[in-house]
mmCIF file of all heavy atoms, coordinates in Angstrom:
data_MODEL
# 
_entry.id   MODEL 
# 
loop_
_atom_site.group_PDB 
_atom_site.id 
_atom_site.type_symbol 
_atom_site.label_atom_id 
_atom_site.label_alt_id 
_atom_site.label_comp_id 
_atom_site.label_asym_id 
_atom_site.label_entity_id 
_atom_site.label_seq_id 
_atom_site.pdbx_PDB_ins_code 
_atom_site.Cartn_x 
_atom_site.Cartn_y 
_atom_site.Cartn_z 
_atom_site.occupancy 
_atom_site.B_iso_or_equiv 
_atom_site.pdbx_formal_charge 
_atom_site.auth_seq_id 
_atom_site.auth_comp_id 
_atom_site.auth_asym_id 
_atom_site.auth_atom_id 
_atom_site.pdbx_PDB_model_num 
ATOM 1   N N   . ILE A 1 1  ? -104.417 41.169 -23.159 1.00 0.00 ? 1  ILE A N   1 
ATOM 2   C CA  . ILE A 1 1  ? -104.270 39.946 -22.359 1.00 0.00 ? 1  ILE A CA  1 
ATOM 3   C C   . ILE A 1 1  ? -102.806 39.559 -22.253 1.00 0.00 ? 1  ILE A C   1 
ATOM 4   O O   . ILE A 1 1  ? -102.120 39.381 -23.251 1.00 0.00 ? 1  ILE A O   1 
ATOM 5   C CB  . ILE A 1 1  ? -105.072 38.785 -23.019 1.00 0.00 ? 1  ILE A CB  1 
ATOM 6   C CG1 . ILE A 1 1  ? -106.573 39.095 -23.014 1.00 0.00 ? 1  ILE A CG1 1 
ATOM 7   C CG2 . ILE A 1 1  ? -104.780 37.478 -22.300 1.00 0.00 ? 1  ILE A CG2 1 
ATOM 8   C CD1 . ILE A 1 1  ? -107.203 39.170 -21.659 1.00 0.00 ? 1  ILE A CD1 1 
ATOM 9   N N   . GLY A 1 2  ? -102.335 39.413 -21.017 1.00 0.00 ? 2  GLY A N   1 
ATOM 10  C CA  . GLY A 1 2  ? -100.926 39.041 -20.765 1.00 0.00 ? 2  GLY A CA  1 
ATOM 11  C C   . GLY A 1 2  ? -100.247 40.130 -20.001 1.00 0.00 ? 2  GLY A C   1 
ATOM 12  O O   . GLY A 1 2  ? -100.462 41.333 -20.225 1.00 0.00 ? 2  GLY A O   1 
ATOM 13  N N   . SER A 1 3  ? -99.373  39.737 -19.046 1.00 0.00 ? 3  SER A N   1 
ATOM 14  C CA  . SER A 1 3  ? -98.622  40.703 -18.257 1.00 0.00 ? 3  SER A CA  1 
ATOM 15  C C   . SER A 1 3  ? -97.194  40.191 -18.035 1.00 0.00 ? 3  SER A C   1 
ATOM 16  O O   . SER A 1 3  ? -97.041  39.078 -17.488 1.00 0.00 ? 3  SER A O   1 
ATOM 17  C CB  . SER A 1 3  ? -99.304  40.934 -16.914 1.00 0.00 ? 3  SER A CB  1 
ATOM 18  O OG  . SER A 1 3  ? -98.594  41.883 -16.134 1.00 0.00 ? 3  SER A OG  1 
ATOM 19  N N   . PRO A 1 4  ? -96.154  40.929 -18.494 1.00 0.00 ? 4  PRO A N   1 
ATOM 20  C CA  . PRO A 1 4  ? -96.242  42.158 -19.289 1.00 0.00 ? 4  PRO A CA  1 
ATOM 21  C C   . PRO A 1 4  ? -96.925  41.920 -20.610 1.00 0.00 ? 4  PRO A C   1 
ATOM 22  O O   . PRO A 1 4  ? -97.040  40.808 -21.079 1.00 0.00 ? 4  PRO A O   1 
ATOM 23  C CB  . PRO A 1 4  ? -94.746  42.512 -19.513 1.00 0.00 ? 4  PRO A CB  1 
ATOM 24  C CG  . PRO A 1 4  ? -94.006  41.724 -18.491 1.00 0.00 ? 4  PRO A CG  1 
ATOM 25  C CD  . PRO A 1 4  ? -94.783  40.507 -18.234 1.00 0.00 ? 4  PRO A CD  1 
ATOM 26  N N   . ALA A 1 5  ? -97.358  43.032 -21.230 1.00 0.00 ? 5  ALA A N   1 
ATOM 27  C CA  . ALA A 1 5  ? -98.155  42.932 -22.443 1.00 0.00 ? 5  ALA A CA  1 
ATOM 28  C C   . ALA A 1 5  ? -97.305  42.441 -23.616 1.00 0.00 ? 5  ALA A C   1 
ATOM 29  O O   . ALA A 1 5  ? -96.057  42.477 -23.606 1.00 0.00 ? 5  ALA A O   1 
ATOM 30  C CB  . ALA A 1 5  ? -98.691  44.339 -22.815 1.00 0.00 ? 5  ALA A CB  1 
ATOM 31  N N   . MET A 1 6  ? -97.988  41.926 -24.621 1.00 0.00 ? 6  MET A N   1 
ATOM 32  C CA  . MET A 1 6  ? -97.330  41.488 -25.854 1.00 0.00 ? 6  MET A CA  1 
ATOM 33  C C   . MET A 1 6  ? -96.635  42.661 -26.522 1.00 0.00 ? 6  MET A C   1 
ATOM 34  O O   . MET A 1 6  ? -97.146  43.775 -26.531 1.00 0.00 ? 6  MET A O   1 
ATOM 35  C CB  . MET A 1 6  ? -98.384  40.864 -26.781 1.00 0.00 ? 6  MET A CB  1 
ATOM 36  C CG  . MET A 1 6  ? -97.767  40.348 -28.086 1.00 0.00 ? 6  MET A CG  1 
ATOM 37  S SD  . MET A 1 6  ? -99.068  39.749 -29.254 1.00 0.00 ? 6  MET A SD  1 
ATOM 38  C CE  . MET A 1 6  ? -99.501  38.193 -28.531 1.00 0.00 ? 6  MET A CE  1 
ATOM 39  N N   . ASN A 1 7  ? -95.455  42.423 -27.088 1.00 0.00 ? 7  ASN A N   1 
ATOM 40  C CA  . ASN A 1 7  ? -94.775  43.433 -27.897 1.00 0.00 ? 7  ASN A CA  1 
ATOM 41  C C   . ASN A 1 7  ? -95.475  43.513 -29.254 1.00 0.00 ? 7  ASN A C   1 
ATOM 42  O O   . ASN A 1 7  ? -95.624  42.496 -29.911 1.00 0.00 ? 7  ASN A O   1 
ATOM 43  C CB  . ASN A 1 7  ? -93.307  43.038 -28.090 1.00 0.00 ? 7  ASN A CB  1 
ATOM 44  C CG  . ASN A 1 7  ? -92.568  42.939 -26.799 1.00 0.00 ? 7  ASN A CG  1 
ATOM 45  O OD1 . ASN A 1 7  ? -92.293  43.959 -26.152 1.00 0.00 ? 7  ASN A OD1 1 
ATOM 46  N ND2 . ASN A 1 7  ? -92.154  41.732 -26.414 1.00 0.00 ? 7  ASN A ND2 1 
ATOM 47  N N   . LEU A 1 8  ? -95.891  44.705 -29.607 1.00 0.00 ? 8  LEU A N   1 
ATOM 48  C CA  . LEU A 1 8  ? -96.608  44.886 -30.908 1.00 0.00 ? 8  LEU A CA  1 
ATOM 49  C C   . LEU A 1 8  ? -95.935  46.009 -31.668 1.00 0.00 ? 8  LEU A C   1 
ATOM 50  O O   . LEU A 1 8  ? -95.687  47.094 -31.107 1.00 0.00 ? 8  LEU A O   1 
ATOM 51  C CB  . LEU A 1 8  ? -98.054  45.246 -30.670 1.00 0.00 ? 8  LEU A CB  1 
ATOM 52  C CG  . LEU A 1 8  ? -98.986  44.140 -30.084 1.00 0.00 ? 8  LEU A CG  1 
ATOM 53  C CD1 . LEU A 1 8  ? -100.271 44.742 -29.529 1.00 0.00 ? 8  LEU A CD1 1 
ATOM 54  C CD2 . LEU A 1 8  ? -99.281  43.132 -31.173 1.00 0.00 ? 8  LEU A CD2 1 
ATOM 55  N N   . PHE A 1 9  ? -95.618  45.758 -32.964 1.00 0.00 ? 9  PHE A N   1 
ATOM 56  C CA  . PHE A 1 9  ? -95.074  46.821 -33.797 1.00 0.00 ? 9  PHE A CA  1 
ATOM 57  C C   . PHE A 1 9  ? -95.296  46.463 -35.243 1.00 0.00 ? 9  PHE A C   1 
ATOM 58  O O   . PHE A 1 9  ? -95.535  45.295 -35.615 1.00 0.00 ? 9  PHE A O   1 
ATOM 59  C CB  . PHE A 1 9  ? -93.577  47.012 -33.522 1.00 0.00 ? 9  PHE A CB  1 
ATOM 60  C CG  . PHE A 1 9  ? -92.753  45.767 -33.595 1.00 0.00 ? 9  PHE A CG  1 
ATOM 61  C CD1 . PHE A 1 9  ? -92.235  45.266 -34.778 1.00 0.00 ? 9  PHE A CD1 1 
ATOM 62  C CD2 . PHE A 1 9  ? -92.478  45.037 -32.407 1.00 0.00 ? 9  PHE A CD2 1 
ATOM 63  C CE1 . PHE A 1 9  ? -91.494  44.096 -34.824 1.00 0.00 ? 9  PHE A CE1 1 
ATOM 64  C CE2 . PHE A 1 9  ? -91.730  43.854 -32.460 1.00 0.00 ? 9  PHE A CE2 1 
ATOM 65  C CZ  . PHE A 1 9  ? -91.248  43.384 -33.660 1.00 0.00 ? 9  PHE A CZ  1 
ATOM 66  N N   . ASP A 1 10 ? -95.259  47.474 -36.089 1.00 0.00 ? 10 ASP A N   1 
ATOM 67  C CA  . ASP A 1 10 ? -95.452  47.238 -37.522 1.00 0.00 ? 10 ASP A CA  1 
ATOM 68  C C   . ASP A 1 10 ? -94.163  46.837 -38.204 1.00 0.00 ? 10 ASP A C   1 
ATOM 69  O O   . ASP A 1 10 ? -93.093  47.280 -37.825 1.00 0.00 ? 10 ASP A O   1 
ATOM 70  C CB  . ASP A 1 10 ? -95.964  48.525 -38.205 1.00 0.00 ? 10 ASP A CB  1 
ATOM 71  C CG  . ASP A 1 10 ? -97.378  48.887 -37.783 1.00 0.00 ? 10 ASP A CG  1 
ATOM 72  O OD1 . ASP A 1 10 ? -98.028  48.032 -37.157 1.00 0.00 ? 10 ASP A OD1 1 
ATOM 73  O OD2 . ASP A 1 10 ? -97.841  50.026 -38.065 1.00 0.00 ? 10 ASP A OD2 1 
ATOM 74  N N   . ALA A 1 11 ? -94.308  45.896 -39.179 1.00 0.00 ? 11 ALA A N   1 
ATOM 75  C CA  . ALA A 1 11 ? -93.139  45.402 -39.892 1.00 0.00 ? 11 ALA A CA  1 
ATOM 76  C C   . ALA A 1 11 ? -93.474  45.300 -41.400 1.00 0.00 ? 11 ALA A C   1 
ATOM 77  O O   . ALA A 1 11 ? -94.586  45.067 -41.762 1.00 0.00 ? 11 ALA A O   1 
ATOM 78  C CB  . ALA A 1 11 ? -92.717  44.061 -39.324 1.00 0.00 ? 11 ALA A CB  1 
ATOM 79  N N   . ASP A 1 12 ? -92.463  45.498 -42.207 1.00 0.00 ? 12 ASP A N   1 
ATOM 80  C CA  . ASP A 1 12 ? -92.607  45.396 -43.666 1.00 0.00 ? 12 ASP A CA  1 
ATOM 81  C C   . ASP A 1 12 ? -92.729  43.956 -44.108 1.00 0.00 ? 12 ASP A C   1 
ATOM 82  O O   . ASP A 1 12 ? -92.011  43.083 -43.617 1.00 0.00 ? 12 ASP A O   1 
ATOM 83  C CB  . ASP A 1 12 ? -91.406  46.017 -44.385 1.00 0.00 ? 12 ASP A CB  1 
ATOM 84  C CG  . ASP A 1 12 ? -91.349  47.535 -44.193 1.00 0.00 ? 12 ASP A CG  1 
ATOM 85  O OD1 . ASP A 1 12 ? -92.376  48.212 -44.275 1.00 0.00 ? 12 ASP A OD1 1 
ATOM 86  O OD2 . ASP A 1 12 ? -90.224  48.050 -43.926 1.00 0.00 ? 12 ASP A OD2 1 
ATOM 87  N N   . VAL A 1 13 ? -93.650  43.740 -45.029 1.00 0.00 ? 13 VAL A N   1 
ATOM 88  C CA  . VAL A 1 13 ? -93.740  42.436 -45.712 1.00 0.00 ? 13 VAL A CA  1 
ATOM 89  C C   . VAL A 1 13 ? -92.629  42.358 -46.755 1.00 0.00 ? 13 VAL A C   1 
ATOM 90  O O   . VAL A 1 13 ? -92.492  43.247 -47.581 1.00 0.00 ? 13 VAL A O   1 
ATOM 91  C CB  . VAL A 1 13 ? -95.126  42.223 -46.376 1.00 0.00 ? 13 VAL A CB  1 
ATOM 92  C CG1 . VAL A 1 13 ? -95.172  40.945 -47.131 1.00 0.00 ? 13 VAL A CG1 1 
ATOM 93  C CG2 . VAL A 1 13 ? -96.235  42.300 -45.335 1.00 0.00 ? 13 VAL A CG2 1 
ATOM 94  N N   . VAL A 1 14 ? -91.848  41.292 -46.705 1.00 0.00 ? 14 VAL A N   1 
ATOM 95  C CA  . VAL A 1 14 ? -90.716  41.099 -47.644 1.00 0.00 ? 14 VAL A CA  1 
ATOM 96  C C   . VAL A 1 14 ? -90.840  39.695 -48.242 1.00 0.00 ? 14 VAL A C   1 
ATOM 97  O O   . VAL A 1 14 ? -91.677  38.898 -47.859 1.00 0.00 ? 14 VAL A O   1 
ATOM 98  C CB  . VAL A 1 14 ? -89.356  41.293 -46.980 1.00 0.00 ? 14 VAL A CB  1 
ATOM 99  C CG1 . VAL A 1 14 ? -89.186  42.720 -46.481 1.00 0.00 ? 14 VAL A CG1 1 
ATOM 100 C CG2 . VAL A 1 14 ? -89.179  40.341 -45.796 1.00 0.00 ? 14 VAL A CG2 1 
ATOM 101 N N   . GLU A 1 15 ? -89.977  39.400 -49.172 1.00 0.00 ? 15 GLU A N   1 
ATOM 102 C CA  . GLU A 1 15 ? -89.929  38.086 -49.775 1.00 0.00 ? 15 GLU A CA  1 
ATOM 103 C C   . GLU A 1 15 ? -89.752  37.012 -48.722 1.00 0.00 ? 15 GLU A C   1 
ATOM 104 O O   . GLU A 1 15 ? -88.775  37.013 -47.982 1.00 0.00 ? 15 GLU A O   1 
ATOM 105 C CB  . GLU A 1 15 ? -88.812  38.000 -50.829 1.00 0.00 ? 15 GLU A CB  1 
ATOM 106 C CG  . GLU A 1 15 ? -88.760  36.684 -51.606 1.00 0.00 ? 15 GLU A CG  1 
ATOM 107 C CD  . GLU A 1 15 ? -89.981  36.482 -52.488 1.00 0.00 ? 15 GLU A CD  1 
ATOM 108 O OE1 . GLU A 1 15 ? -90.535  37.515 -52.983 1.00 0.00 ? 15 GLU A OE1 1 
ATOM 109 O OE2 . GLU A 1 15 ? -90.385  35.321 -52.642 1.00 0.00 ? 15 GLU A OE2 1 
ATOM 110 N N   . GLY A 1 16 ? -90.718  36.111 -48.583 1.00 0.00 ? 16 GLY A N   1 
ATOM 111 C CA  . GLY A 1 16 ? -90.572  35.003 -47.648 1.00 0.00 ? 16 GLY A CA  1 
ATOM 112 C C   . GLY A 1 16 ? -91.155  35.253 -46.276 1.00 0.00 ? 16 GLY A C   1 
ATOM 113 O O   . GLY A 1 16 ? -91.174  34.327 -45.444 1.00 0.00 ? 16 GLY A O   1 
ATOM 114 N N   . GLY A 1 17 ? -91.543  36.485 -45.935 1.00 0.00 ? 17 GLY A N   1 
ATOM 115 C CA  . GLY A 1 17 ? -92.035  36.720 -44.575 1.00 0.00 ? 17 GLY A CA  1 
ATOM 116 C C   . GLY A 1 17 ? -92.124  38.202 -44.282 1.00 0.00 ? 17 GLY A C   1 
ATOM 117 O O   . GLY A 1 17 ? -92.589  38.976 -45.103 1.00 0.00 ? 17 GLY A O   1 
ATOM 118 N N   . VAL A 1 18 ? -91.674  38.546 -43.070 1.00 0.00 ? 18 VAL A N   1 
ATOM 119 C CA  . VAL A 1 18 ? -91.674  39.952 -42.660 1.00 0.00 ? 18 VAL A CA  1 
ATOM 120 C C   . VAL A 1 18 ? -90.282  40.334 -42.160 1.00 0.00 ? 18 VAL A C   1 
ATOM 121 O O   . VAL A 1 18 ? -89.524  39.513 -41.656 1.00 0.00 ? 18 VAL A O   1 
ATOM 122 C CB  . VAL A 1 18 ? -92.739  40.187 -41.515 1.00 0.00 ? 18 VAL A CB  1 
ATOM 123 C CG1 . VAL A 1 18 ? -94.113  39.930 -42.004 1.00 0.00 ? 18 VAL A CG1 1 
ATOM 124 C CG2 . VAL A 1 18 ? -92.392  39.391 -40.287 1.00 0.00 ? 18 VAL A CG2 1 
ATOM 125 N N   . GLN A 1 19 ? -89.986  41.652 -42.319 1.00 0.00 ? 19 GLN A N   1 
ATOM 126 C CA  . GLN A 1 19 ? -88.649  42.126 -41.935 1.00 0.00 ? 19 GLN A CA  1 
ATOM 127 C C   . GLN A 1 19 ? -88.587  42.209 -40.411 1.00 0.00 ? 19 GLN A C   1 
ATOM 128 O O   . GLN A 1 19 ? -89.429  42.800 -39.752 1.00 0.00 ? 19 GLN A O   1 
ATOM 129 C CB  . GLN A 1 19 ? -88.425  43.537 -42.526 1.00 0.00 ? 19 GLN A CB  1 
ATOM 130 C CG  . GLN A 1 19 ? -86.995  44.028 -42.437 1.00 0.00 ? 19 GLN A CG  1 
ATOM 131 C CD  . GLN A 1 19 ? -86.079  43.215 -43.313 1.00 0.00 ? 19 GLN A CD  1 
ATOM 132 O OE1 . GLN A 1 19 ? -86.359  42.959 -44.446 1.00 0.00 ? 19 GLN A OE1 1 
ATOM 133 N NE2 . GLN A 1 19 ? -84.913  42.851 -42.757 1.00 0.00 ? 19 GLN A NE2 1 
ATOM 134 N N   . PHE A 1 20 ? -87.527  41.576 -39.883 1.00 0.00 ? 20 PHE A N   1 
ATOM 135 C CA  . PHE A 1 20 ? -87.341  41.581 -38.443 1.00 0.00 ? 20 PHE A CA  1 
ATOM 136 C C   . PHE A 1 20 ? -85.935  42.111 -38.171 1.00 0.00 ? 20 PHE A C   1 
ATOM 137 O O   . PHE A 1 20 ? -85.000  41.329 -37.898 1.00 0.00 ? 20 PHE A O   1 
ATOM 138 C CB  . PHE A 1 20 ? -87.501  40.165 -37.872 1.00 0.00 ? 20 PHE A CB  1 
ATOM 139 C CG  . PHE A 1 20 ? -87.940  40.109 -36.440 1.00 0.00 ? 20 PHE A CG  1 
ATOM 140 C CD1 . PHE A 1 20 ? -89.261  40.213 -36.064 1.00 0.00 ? 20 PHE A CD1 1 
ATOM 141 C CD2 . PHE A 1 20 ? -86.974  40.071 -35.427 1.00 0.00 ? 20 PHE A CD2 1 
ATOM 142 C CE1 . PHE A 1 20 ? -89.633  40.172 -34.752 1.00 0.00 ? 20 PHE A CE1 1 
ATOM 143 C CE2 . PHE A 1 20 ? -87.375  40.071 -34.084 1.00 0.00 ? 20 PHE A CE2 1 
ATOM 144 C CZ  . PHE A 1 20 ? -88.690  40.087 -33.750 1.00 0.00 ? 20 PHE A CZ  1 
ATOM 145 N N   . GLY A 1 21 ? -85.767  43.441 -38.287 1.00 0.00 ? 21 GLY A N   1 
ATOM 146 C CA  . GLY A 1 21 ? -84.434  43.997 -38.154 1.00 0.00 ? 21 GLY A CA  1 
ATOM 147 C C   . GLY A 1 21 ? -83.570  43.551 -39.328 1.00 0.00 ? 21 GLY A C   1 
ATOM 148 O O   . GLY A 1 21 ? -83.937  43.725 -40.456 1.00 0.00 ? 21 GLY A O   1 
ATOM 149 N N   . THR A 1 22 ? -82.426  42.914 -39.005 1.00 0.00 ? 22 THR A N   1 
ATOM 150 C CA  . THR A 1 22 ? -81.521  42.413 -40.030 1.00 0.00 ? 22 THR A CA  1 
ATOM 151 C C   . THR A 1 22 ? -81.843  40.968 -40.417 1.00 0.00 ? 22 THR A C   1 
ATOM 152 O O   . THR A 1 22 ? -81.082  40.354 -41.149 1.00 0.00 ? 22 THR A O   1 
ATOM 153 C CB  . THR A 1 22 ? -80.073  42.523 -39.558 1.00 0.00 ? 22 THR A CB  1 
ATOM 154 O OG1 . THR A 1 22 ? -79.926  41.762 -38.356 1.00 0.00 ? 22 THR A OG1 1 
ATOM 155 C CG2 . THR A 1 22 ? -79.674  43.987 -39.314 1.00 0.00 ? 22 THR A CG2 1 
ATOM 156 N N   . ALA A 1 23 ? -82.954  40.449 -39.923 1.00 0.00 ? 23 ALA A N   1 
ATOM 157 C CA  . ALA A 1 23 ? -83.345  39.058 -40.206 1.00 0.00 ? 23 ALA A CA  1 
ATOM 158 C C   . ALA A 1 23 ? -84.739  39.102 -40.873 1.00 0.00 ? 23 ALA A C   1 
ATOM 159 O O   . ALA A 1 23 ? -85.415  40.152 -40.950 1.00 0.00 ? 23 ALA A O   1 
ATOM 160 C CB  . ALA A 1 23 ? -83.400  38.217 -38.971 1.00 0.00 ? 23 ALA A CB  1 
ATOM 161 N N   . THR A 1 24 ? -85.129  37.973 -41.419 1.00 0.00 ? 24 THR A N   1 
ATOM 162 C CA  . THR A 1 24 ? -86.440  37.787 -41.981 1.00 0.00 ? 24 THR A CA  1 
ATOM 163 C C   . THR A 1 24 ? -87.187  36.739 -41.167 1.00 0.00 ? 24 THR A C   1 
ATOM 164 O O   . THR A 1 24 ? -86.687  35.608 -41.041 1.00 0.00 ? 24 THR A O   1 
ATOM 165 C CB  . THR A 1 24 ? -86.383  37.341 -43.462 1.00 0.00 ? 24 THR A CB  1 
ATOM 166 O OG1 . THR A 1 24 ? -85.728  38.339 -44.251 1.00 0.00 ? 24 THR A OG1 1 
ATOM 167 C CG2 . THR A 1 24 ? -87.816  37.159 -44.006 1.00 0.00 ? 24 THR A CG2 1 
ATOM 168 N N   . ALA A 1 25 ? -88.318  37.057 -40.642 1.00 0.00 ? 25 ALA A N   1 
ATOM 169 C CA  . ALA A 1 25 ? -89.111  36.089 -39.952 1.00 0.00 ? 25 ALA A CA  1 
ATOM 170 C C   . ALA A 1 25 ? -90.054  35.500 -40.972 1.00 0.00 ? 25 ALA A C   1 
ATOM 171 O O   . ALA A 1 25 ? -90.843  36.175 -41.625 1.00 0.00 ? 25 ALA A O   1 
ATOM 172 C CB  . ALA A 1 25 ? -89.938  36.764 -38.839 1.00 0.00 ? 25 ALA A CB  1 
ATOM 173 N N   . LEU A 1 26 ? -89.900  34.193 -41.192 1.00 0.00 ? 26 LEU A N   1 
ATOM 174 C CA  . LEU A 1 26 ? -90.611  33.505 -42.265 1.00 0.00 ? 26 LEU A CA  1 
ATOM 175 C C   . LEU A 1 26 ? -92.073  33.333 -41.961 1.00 0.00 ? 26 LEU A C   1 
ATOM 176 O O   . LEU A 1 26 ? -92.444  32.808 -40.895 1.00 0.00 ? 26 LEU A O   1 
ATOM 177 C CB  . LEU A 1 26 ? -89.986  32.150 -42.557 1.00 0.00 ? 26 LEU A CB  1 
ATOM 178 C CG  . LEU A 1 26 ? -88.460  32.186 -42.863 1.00 0.00 ? 26 LEU A CG  1 
ATOM 179 C CD1 . LEU A 1 26 ? -87.974  30.785 -43.134 1.00 0.00 ? 26 LEU A CD1 1 
ATOM 180 C CD2 . LEU A 1 26 ? -88.159  33.096 -44.022 1.00 0.00 ? 26 LEU A CD2 1 
ATOM 181 N N   . VAL A 1 27 ? -92.947  33.804 -42.796 1.00 0.00 ? 27 VAL A N   1 
ATOM 182 C CA  . VAL A 1 27 ? -94.397  33.664 -42.668 1.00 0.00 ? 27 VAL A CA  1 
ATOM 183 C C   . VAL A 1 27 ? -94.980  33.147 -43.957 1.00 0.00 ? 27 VAL A C   1 
ATOM 184 O O   . VAL A 1 27 ? -94.545  33.579 -45.053 1.00 0.00 ? 27 VAL A O   1 
ATOM 185 C CB  . VAL A 1 27 ? -95.033  35.044 -42.265 1.00 0.00 ? 27 VAL A CB  1 
ATOM 186 C CG1 . VAL A 1 27 ? -96.550  34.866 -42.089 1.00 0.00 ? 27 VAL A CG1 1 
ATOM 187 C CG2 . VAL A 1 27 ? -94.413  35.589 -41.000 1.00 0.00 ? 27 VAL A CG2 1 
ATOM 188 N N   . ASP A 1 28 ? -95.949  32.251 -43.850 1.00 0.00 ? 28 ASP A N   1 
ATOM 189 C CA  . ASP A 1 28 ? -96.558  31.656 -45.030 1.00 0.00 ? 28 ASP A CA  1 
ATOM 190 C C   . ASP A 1 28 ? -97.099  32.743 -45.985 1.00 0.00 ? 28 ASP A C   1 
ATOM 191 O O   . ASP A 1 28 ? -97.767  33.670 -45.577 1.00 0.00 ? 28 ASP A O   1 
ATOM 192 C CB  . ASP A 1 28 ? -97.720  30.737 -44.549 1.00 0.00 ? 28 ASP A CB  1 
ATOM 193 C CG  . ASP A 1 28 ? -98.354  30.046 -45.697 1.00 0.00 ? 28 ASP A CG  1 
ATOM 194 O OD1 . ASP A 1 28 ? -97.774  29.050 -46.187 1.00 0.00 ? 28 ASP A OD1 1 
ATOM 195 O OD2 . ASP A 1 28 ? -99.437  30.474 -46.107 1.00 0.00 ? 28 ASP A OD2 1 
ATOM 196 N N   . ARG A 1 29 ? -96.823  32.557 -47.278 1.00 0.00 ? 29 ARG A N   1 
ATOM 197 C CA  . ARG A 1 29 ? -97.241  33.551 -48.272 1.00 0.00 ? 29 ARG A CA  1 
ATOM 198 C C   . ARG A 1 29 ? -98.742  33.721 -48.336 1.00 0.00 ? 29 ARG A C   1 
ATOM 199 O O   . ARG A 1 29 ? -99.244  34.827 -48.528 1.00 0.00 ? 29 ARG A O   1 
ATOM 200 C CB  . ARG A 1 29 ? -96.719  33.053 -49.639 1.00 0.00 ? 29 ARG A CB  1 
ATOM 201 C CG  . ARG A 1 29 ? -96.978  34.057 -50.800 1.00 0.00 ? 29 ARG A CG  1 
ATOM 202 C CD  . ARG A 1 29 ? -96.453  33.559 -52.099 1.00 0.00 ? 29 ARG A CD  1 
ATOM 203 N NE  . ARG A 1 29 ? -94.976  33.350 -52.058 1.00 0.00 ? 29 ARG A NE  1 
ATOM 204 C CZ  . ARG A 1 29 ? -94.312  32.780 -53.040 1.00 0.00 ? 29 ARG A CZ  1 
ATOM 205 N NH1 . ARG A 1 29 ? -94.928  32.349 -54.122 1.00 0.00 ? 29 ARG A NH1 1 
ATOM 206 N NH2 . ARG A 1 29 ? -93.015  32.606 -52.894 1.00 0.00 ? 29 ARG A NH2 1 
# 
């Protein structure tokens, strides 16, 4: 659903969230 389509990729779970390149995207533990 959506055009262009949603960007989807796998990311590592790290302290405080998920790895987003050189940043951390904060996600609830």
